[in-house]
Amino acid sequence: MRKEAIEIGEKLRERRRLLGIKQPELAFLSGVSPRTIQQVENGRGNPSLETLFQLADPLGLRLELILKEPQKPADQ
């Protein structure tokens, strides 16, 4: 698994859980299958930008925040 894919999946999962949304509900709201959501959250698969847009919208996220790499402290 690629590190970037894992980080994107973790961001989406964290936001979904913060909002109290279960995967089936996100599937309904986004039009993305529950299986695809599971794969994205687990860092598997290769979601298209369209899929990421579809997932980001009901979670109230902007795509650039999902794709942005976390900032590392200056001393690292």
PDB file of N, CA and C in Angstrom:
ATOM      1  N   MET A   1       0.842  -1.183   0.000  1.00  0.00           N
ATOM      2  CA  MET A   1       0.000   0.000   0.000  1.00  0.00           C
ATOM      3  C   MET A   1       0.884   1.242   0.000  1.00  0.00           C
ATOM      4  N   ARG A   2       0.462   2.211  -0.742  1.00  0.00           N
ATOM      5  CA  ARG A   2       1.204   3.463  -0.784  1.00  0.00           C
ATOM      6  C   ARG A   2       0.862   4.309   0.428  1.00  0.00           C
ATOM      7  N   LYS A   3       1.880   4.964   0.936  1.00  0.00           N
ATOM      8  CA  LYS A   3       1.720   5.819   2.115  1.00  0.00           C
ATOM      9  C   LYS A   3       0.655   6.889   1.884  1.00  0.00           C
ATOM     10  N   GLU A   4       0.658   7.486   0.705  1.00  0.00           N
ATOM     11  CA  GLU A   4      -0.303   8.548   0.397  1.00  0.00           C
ATOM     12  C   GLU A   4      -1.741   8.032   0.430  1.00  0.00           C
ATOM     13  N   ALA A   5      -1.949   6.843  -0.134  1.00  0.00           N
ATOM     14  CA  ALA A   5      -3.294   6.266  -0.149  1.00  0.00           C
ATOM     15  C   ALA A   5      -3.775   5.984   1.265  1.00  0.00           C
ATOM     16  N   ILE A   6      -2.873   5.512   2.110  1.00  0.00           N
ATOM     17  CA  ILE A   6      -3.229   5.246   3.507  1.00  0.00           C
ATOM     18  C   ILE A   6      -3.597   6.539   4.214  1.00  0.00           C
ATOM     19  N   GLU A   7      -2.823   7.608   3.992  1.00  0.00           N
ATOM     20  CA  GLU A   7      -3.100   8.895   4.648  1.00  0.00           C
ATOM     21  C   GLU A   7      -4.434   9.476   4.196  1.00  0.00           C
ATOM     22  N   ILE A   8      -4.743   9.369   2.904  1.00  0.00           N
ATOM     23  CA  ILE A   8      -6.027   9.863   2.399  1.00  0.00           C
ATOM     24  C   ILE A   8      -7.168   9.085   3.050  1.00  0.00           C
ATOM     25  N   GLY A   9      -7.034   7.769   3.093  1.00  0.00           N
ATOM     26  CA  GLY A   9      -8.064   6.937   3.713  1.00  0.00           C
ATOM     27  C   GLY A   9      -8.262   7.252   5.179  1.00  0.00           C
ATOM     28  N   GLU A  10      -7.158   7.491   5.877  1.00  0.00           N
ATOM     29  CA  GLU A  10      -7.250   7.825   7.302  1.00  0.00           C
ATOM     30  C   GLU A  10      -7.959   9.155   7.509  1.00  0.00           C
ATOM     31  N   LYS A  11      -7.679  10.143   6.664  1.00  0.00           N
ATOM     32  CA  LYS A  11      -8.344  11.448   6.785  1.00  0.00           C
ATOM     33  C   LYS A  11      -9.850  11.308   6.581  1.00  0.00           C
ATOM     34  N   LEU A  12     -10.228  10.540   5.560  1.00  0.00           N
ATOM     35  CA  LEU A  12     -11.651  10.355   5.297  1.00  0.00           C
ATOM     36  C   LEU A  12     -12.332   9.597   6.430  1.00  0.00           C
ATOM     37  N   ARG A  13     -11.711   8.528   6.913  1.00  0.00           N
ATOM     38  CA  ARG A  13     -12.287   7.736   8.004  1.00  0.00           C
ATOM     39  C   ARG A  13     -12.425   8.577   9.276  1.00  0.00           C
ATOM     40  N   GLU A  14     -11.380   9.337   9.581  1.00  0.00           N
ATOM     41  CA  GLU A  14     -11.403  10.161  10.793  1.00  0.00           C
ATOM     42  C   GLU A  14     -12.550  11.175  10.737  1.00  0.00           C
ATOM     43  N   ARG A  15     -12.723  11.823   9.596  1.00  0.00           N
ATOM     44  CA  ARG A  15     -13.793  12.812   9.460  1.00  0.00           C
ATOM     45  C   ARG A  15     -15.168  12.147   9.534  1.00  0.00           C
ATOM     46  N   ARG A  16     -15.311  11.010   8.861  1.00  0.00           N
ATOM     47  CA  ARG A  16     -16.590  10.281   8.876  1.00  0.00           C
ATOM     48  C   ARG A  16     -16.967   9.912  10.302  1.00  0.00           C
ATOM     49  N   ARG A  17     -16.000   9.394  11.043  1.00  0.00           N
ATOM     50  CA  ARG A  17     -16.270   9.004  12.431  1.00  0.00           C
ATOM     51  C   ARG A  17     -16.557  10.209  13.314  1.00  0.00           C
ATOM     52  N   LEU A  18     -15.834  11.303  13.082  1.00  0.00           N
ATOM     53  CA  LEU A  18     -16.064  12.527  13.844  1.00  0.00           C
ATOM     54  C   LEU A  18     -17.503  13.012  13.677  1.00  0.00           C
ATOM     55  N   LEU A  19     -18.030  12.853  12.468  1.00  0.00           N
ATOM     56  CA  LEU A  19     -19.401  13.270  12.183  1.00  0.00           C
ATOM     57  C   LEU A  19     -20.436  12.224  12.586  1.00  0.00           C
ATOM     58  N   GLY A  20     -19.971  11.055  13.016  1.00  0.00           N
ATOM     59  CA  GLY A  20     -20.895   9.997  13.424  1.00  0.00           C
ATOM     60  C   GLY A  20     -21.609   9.343  12.261  1.00  0.00           C
ATOM     61  N   ILE A  21     -20.955   9.313  11.105  1.00  0.00           N
ATOM     62  CA  ILE A  21     -21.551   8.718   9.912  1.00  0.00           C
ATOM     63  C   ILE A  21     -20.974   7.321   9.708  1.00  0.00           C
ATOM     64  N   LYS A  22     -21.826   6.355   9.494  1.00  0.00           N
ATOM     65  CA  LYS A  22     -21.383   4.987   9.202  1.00  0.00           C
ATOM     66  C   LYS A  22     -21.139   4.852   7.692  1.00  0.00           C
ATOM     67  N   GLN A  23     -20.356   3.852   7.312  1.00  0.00           N
ATOM     68  CA  GLN A  23     -20.034   3.667   5.904  1.00  0.00           C
ATOM     69  C   GLN A  23     -21.269   3.536   5.012  1.00  0.00           C
ATOM     70  N   PRO A  24     -22.289   2.755   5.400  1.00  0.00           N
ATOM     71  CA  PRO A  24     -23.475   2.669   4.532  1.00  0.00           C
ATOM     72  C   PRO A  24     -24.166   4.024   4.336  1.00  0.00           C
ATOM     73  N   GLU A  25     -24.173   4.844   5.362  1.00  0.00           N
ATOM     74  CA  GLU A  25     -24.780   6.167   5.244  1.00  0.00           C
ATOM     75  C   GLU A  25     -23.962   7.048   4.298  1.00  0.00           C
ATOM     76  N   LEU A  26     -22.636   6.989   4.422  1.00  0.00           N
ATOM     77  CA  LEU A  26     -21.784   7.752   3.513  1.00  0.00           C
ATOM     78  C   LEU A  26     -21.976   7.269   2.077  1.00  0.00           C
ATOM     79  N   ALA A  27     -22.157   5.972   1.908  1.00  0.00           N
ATOM     80  CA  ALA A  27     -22.408   5.427   0.577  1.00  0.00           C
ATOM     81  C   ALA A  27     -23.677   6.030  -0.010  1.00  0.00           C
ATOM     82  N   PHE A  28     -24.716   6.100   0.779  1.00  0.00           N
ATOM     83  CA  PHE A  28     -25.981   6.687   0.333  1.00  0.00           C
ATOM     84  C   PHE A  28     -25.807   8.163  -0.010  1.00  0.00           C
ATOM     85  N   LEU A  29     -25.134   8.905   0.860  1.00  0.00           N
ATOM     86  CA  LEU A  29     -24.963  10.349   0.663  1.00  0.00           C
ATOM     87  C   LEU A  29     -24.048  10.692  -0.512  1.00  0.00           C
ATOM     88  N   SER A  30     -23.073   9.843  -0.760  1.00  0.00           N
ATOM     89  CA  SER A  30     -22.063  10.145  -1.776  1.00  0.00           C
ATOM     90  C   SER A  30     -22.308   9.471  -3.126  1.00  0.00           C
ATOM     91  N   GLY A  31     -23.076   8.386  -3.123  1.00  0.00           N
ATOM     92  CA  GLY A  31     -23.254   7.624  -4.349  1.00  0.00           C
ATOM     93  C   GLY A  31     -22.083   6.696  -4.647  1.00  0.00           C
ATOM     94  N   VAL A  32     -21.215   6.498  -3.662  1.00  0.00           N
ATOM     95  CA  VAL A  32     -20.060   5.602  -3.780  1.00  0.00           C
ATOM     96  C   VAL A  32     -20.401   4.316  -3.038  1.00  0.00           C
ATOM     97  N   SER A  33     -20.067   3.186  -3.605  1.00  0.00           N
ATOM     98  CA  SER A  33     -20.434   1.911  -2.981  1.00  0.00           C
ATOM     99  C   SER A  33     -19.726   1.727  -1.636  1.00  0.00           C
ATOM    100  N   PRO A  34     -20.381   1.024  -0.706  1.00  0.00           N
ATOM    101  CA  PRO A  34     -19.746   0.762   0.587  1.00  0.00           C
ATOM    102  C   PRO A  34     -18.404   0.039   0.427  1.00  0.00           C
ATOM    103  N   ARG A  35     -18.308  -0.862  -0.521  1.00  0.00           N
ATOM    104  CA  ARG A  35     -17.052  -1.593  -0.756  1.00  0.00           C
ATOM    105  C   ARG A  35     -15.927  -0.639  -1.163  1.00  0.00           C
ATOM    106  N   THR A  36     -16.247   0.320  -2.033  1.00  0.00           N
ATOM    107  CA  THR A  36     -15.243   1.299  -2.461  1.00  0.00           C
ATOM    108  C   THR A  36     -14.826   2.170  -1.286  1.00  0.00           C
ATOM    109  N   ILE A  37     -15.773   2.585  -0.471  1.00  0.00           N
ATOM    110  CA  ILE A  37     -15.448   3.390   0.707  1.00  0.00           C
ATOM    111  C   ILE A  37     -14.514   2.610   1.616  1.00  0.00           C
ATOM    112  N   GLN A  38     -14.818   1.348   1.839  1.00  0.00           N
ATOM    113  CA  GLN A  38     -13.974   0.501   2.677  1.00  0.00           C
ATOM    114  C   GLN A  38     -12.557   0.423   2.108  1.00  0.00           C
ATOM    115  N   GLN A  39     -12.444   0.223   0.798  1.00  0.00           N
ATOM    116  CA  GLN A  39     -11.128   0.134   0.169  1.00  0.00           C
ATOM    117  C   GLN A  39     -10.357   1.445   0.290  1.00  0.00           C
ATOM    118  N   VAL A  40     -11.023   2.561   0.069  1.00  0.00           N
ATOM    119  CA  VAL A  40     -10.365   3.869   0.169  1.00  0.00           C
ATOM    120  C   VAL A  40      -9.892   4.106   1.595  1.00  0.00           C
ATOM    121  N   GLU A  41     -10.754   3.857   2.569  1.00  0.00           N
ATOM    122  CA  GLU A  41     -10.390   4.088   3.973  1.00  0.00           C
ATOM    123  C   GLU A  41      -9.256   3.184   4.430  1.00  0.00           C
ATOM    124  N   ASN A  42      -9.117   2.022   3.804  1.00  0.00           N
ATOM    125  CA  ASN A  42      -8.047   1.094   4.165  1.00  0.00           C
ATOM    126  C   ASN A  42      -6.792   1.296   3.321  1.00  0.00           C
ATOM    127  N   GLY A  43      -6.787   2.319   2.461  1.00  0.00           N
ATOM    128  CA  GLY A  43      -5.619   2.615   1.652  1.00  0.00           C
ATOM    129  C   GLY A  43      -5.424   1.660   0.493  1.00  0.00           C
ATOM    130  N   ARG A  44      -6.466   0.944   0.136  1.00  0.00           N
ATOM    131  CA  ARG A  44      -6.396   0.008  -0.988  1.00  0.00           C
ATOM    132  C   ARG A  44      -7.120   0.608  -2.179  1.00  0.00           C
ATOM    133  N   GLY A  45      -6.858   0.064  -3.328  1.00  0.00           N
ATOM    134  CA  GLY A  45      -7.527   0.560  -4.520  1.00  0.00           C
ATOM    135  C   GLY A  45      -6.877   1.844  -5.003  1.00  0.00           C
ATOM    136  N   ASN A  46      -7.472   2.405  -6.009  1.00  0.00           N
ATOM    137  CA  ASN A  46      -6.956   3.615  -6.633  1.00  0.00           C
ATOM    138  C   ASN A  46      -8.148   4.502  -6.982  1.00  0.00           C
ATOM    139  N   PRO A  47      -8.693   5.244  -6.001  1.00  0.00           N
ATOM    140  CA  PRO A  47      -9.897   6.027  -6.274  1.00  0.00           C
ATOM    141  C   PRO A  47      -9.612   7.162  -7.247  1.00  0.00           C
ATOM    142  N   SER A  48     -10.563   7.418  -8.108  1.00  0.00           N
ATOM    143  CA  SER A  48     -10.448   8.544  -9.038  1.00  0.00           C
ATOM    144  C   SER A  48     -10.679   9.849  -8.270  1.00  0.00           C
ATOM    145  N   LEU A  49     -10.327  10.951  -8.915  1.00  0.00           N
ATOM    146  CA  LEU A  49     -10.616  12.249  -8.305  1.00  0.00           C
ATOM    147  C   LEU A  49     -12.112  12.426  -8.122  1.00  0.00           C
ATOM    148  N   GLU A  50     -12.889  11.931  -9.068  1.00  0.00           N
ATOM    149  CA  GLU A  50     -14.349  12.035  -8.961  1.00  0.00           C
ATOM    150  C   GLU A  50     -14.850  11.319  -7.711  1.00  0.00           C
ATOM    151  N   THR A  51     -14.321  10.130  -7.438  1.00  0.00           N
ATOM    152  CA  THR A  51     -14.714   9.387  -6.237  1.00  0.00           C
ATOM    153  C   THR A  51     -14.334  10.166  -4.989  1.00  0.00           C
ATOM    154  N   LEU A  52     -13.143  10.748  -4.978  1.00  0.00           N
ATOM    155  CA  LEU A  52     -12.718  11.533  -3.815  1.00  0.00           C
ATOM    156  C   LEU A  52     -13.604  12.763  -3.632  1.00  0.00           C
ATOM    157  N   PHE A  53     -13.990  13.413  -4.736  1.00  0.00           N
ATOM    158  CA  PHE A  53     -14.932  14.541  -4.650  1.00  0.00           C
ATOM    159  C   PHE A  53     -16.251  14.074  -4.053  1.00  0.00           C
ATOM    160  N   GLN A  54     -16.753  12.936  -4.529  1.00  0.00           N
ATOM    161  CA  GLN A  54     -18.026  12.412  -4.046  1.00  0.00           C
ATOM    162  C   GLN A  54     -17.974  12.108  -2.548  1.00  0.00           C
ATOM    163  N   LEU A  55     -16.844  11.619  -2.065  1.00  0.00           N
ATOM    164  CA  LEU A  55     -16.714  11.312  -0.640  1.00  0.00           C
ATOM    165  C   LEU A  55     -16.503  12.566   0.192  1.00  0.00           C
ATOM    166  N   ALA A  56     -15.757  13.505  -0.340  1.00  0.00           N
ATOM    167  CA  ALA A  56     -15.441  14.716   0.410  1.00  0.00           C
ATOM    168  C   ALA A  56     -16.665  15.591   0.656  1.00  0.00           C
ATOM    169  N   ASP A  57     -17.533  15.693  -0.327  1.00  0.00           N
ATOM    170  CA  ASP A  57     -18.669  16.608  -0.232  1.00  0.00           C
ATOM    171  C   ASP A  57     -19.567  16.350   0.978  1.00  0.00           C
ATOM    172  N   PRO A  58     -20.105  15.139   1.173  1.00  0.00           N
ATOM    173  CA  PRO A  58     -20.982  14.938   2.340  1.00  0.00           C
ATOM    174  C   PRO A  58     -20.234  15.003   3.674  1.00  0.00           C
ATOM    175  N   LEU A  59     -18.913  14.910   3.616  1.00  0.00           N
ATOM    176  CA  LEU A  59     -18.124  15.012   4.844  1.00  0.00           C
ATOM    177  C   LEU A  59     -17.717  16.452   5.139  1.00  0.00           C
ATOM    178  N   GLY A  60     -18.089  17.359   4.250  1.00  0.00           N
ATOM    179  CA  GLY A  60     -17.760  18.770   4.450  1.00  0.00           C
ATOM    180  C   GLY A  60     -16.275  19.049   4.318  1.00  0.00           C
ATOM    181  N   LEU A  61     -15.595  18.270   3.487  1.00  0.00           N
ATOM    182  CA  LEU A  61     -14.159  18.447   3.289  1.00  0.00           C
ATOM    183  C   LEU A  61     -13.886  19.014   1.904  1.00  0.00           C
ATOM    184  N   ARG A  62     -12.827  19.790   1.813  1.00  0.00           N
ATOM    185  CA  ARG A  62     -12.363  20.252   0.512  1.00  0.00           C
ATOM    186  C   ARG A  62     -11.302  19.269   0.043  1.00  0.00           C
ATOM    187  N   LEU A  63     -11.346  18.948  -1.228  1.00  0.00           N
ATOM    188  CA  LEU A  63     -10.452  17.938  -1.774  1.00  0.00           C
ATOM    189  C   LEU A  63      -8.988  18.281  -1.540  1.00  0.00           C
ATOM    190  N   GLU A  64      -8.630  19.553  -1.634  1.00  0.00           N
ATOM    191  CA  GLU A  64      -7.225  19.915  -1.434  1.00  0.00           C
ATOM    192  C   GLU A  64      -6.756  19.617  -0.004  1.00  0.00           C
ATOM    193  N   LEU A  65      -7.660  19.619   0.957  1.00  0.00           N
ATOM    194  CA  LEU A  65      -7.280  19.273   2.334  1.00  0.00           C
ATOM    195  C   LEU A  65      -7.045  17.776   2.476  1.00  0.00           C
ATOM    196  N   ILE A  66      -7.770  16.992   1.703  1.00  0.00           N
ATOM    197  CA  ILE A  66      -7.586  15.543   1.736  1.00  0.00           C
ATOM    198  C   ILE A  66      -6.264  15.159   1.086  1.00  0.00           C
ATOM    199  N   LEU A  67      -5.946  15.833  -0.011  1.00  0.00           N
ATOM    200  CA  LEU A  67      -4.761  15.481  -0.779  1.00  0.00           C
ATOM    201  C   LEU A  67      -3.474  16.114  -0.241  1.00  0.00           C
ATOM    202  N   LYS A  68      -3.616  17.135   0.584  1.00  0.00           N
ATOM    203  CA  LYS A  68      -2.449  17.844   1.113  1.00  0.00           C
ATOM    204  C   LYS A  68      -1.673  16.955   2.078  1.00  0.00           C
ATOM    205  N   GLU A  69      -0.356  16.958   1.892  1.00  0.00           N
ATOM    206  CA  GLU A  69       0.489  16.195   2.803  1.00  0.00           C
ATOM    207  C   GLU A  69       0.576  16.917   4.141  1.00  0.00           C
ATOM    208  N   PRO A  70       0.624  16.162   5.234  1.00  0.00           N
ATOM    209  CA  PRO A  70       0.763  16.800   6.539  1.00  0.00           C
ATOM    210  C   PRO A  70       2.111  17.503   6.642  1.00  0.00           C
ATOM    211  N   GLN A  71       2.125  18.629   7.325  1.00  0.00           N
ATOM    212  CA  GLN A  71       3.356  19.375   7.528  1.00  0.00           C
ATOM    213  C   GLN A  71       4.215  18.695   8.584  1.00  0.00           C
ATOM    214  N   LYS A  72       5.483  18.575   8.285  1.00  0.00           N
ATOM    215  CA  LYS A  72       6.417  17.988   9.245  1.00  0.00           C
ATOM    216  C   LYS A  72       7.038  19.107  10.072  1.00  0.00           C
ATOM    217  N   PRO A  73       7.285  18.876  11.350  1.00  0.00           N
ATOM    218  CA  PRO A  73       7.955  19.889  12.157  1.00  0.00           C
ATOM    219  C   PRO A  73       9.302  20.250  11.543  1.00  0.00           C
ATOM    220  N   ALA A  74       9.728  21.492  11.715  1.00  0.00           N
ATOM    221  CA  ALA A  74      10.962  21.987  11.104  1.00  0.00           C
ATOM    222  C   ALA A  74      12.207  21.255  11.581  1.00  0.00           C
ATOM    223  N   ASP A  75      12.163  20.672  12.770  1.00  0.00           N
ATOM    224  CA  ASP A  75      13.361  20.015  13.311  1.00  0.00           C
ATOM    225  C   ASP A  75      13.531  18.575  12.808  1.00  0.00           C
ATOM    226  N   GLN A  76      12.660  18.114  11.927  1.00  0.00           N
ATOM    227  CA  GLN A  76      12.798  16.747  11.396  1.00  0.00           C
ATOM    228  C   GLN A  76      13.450  16.744  10.050  1.00  0.00           C
TER     229      GLN A  76
END
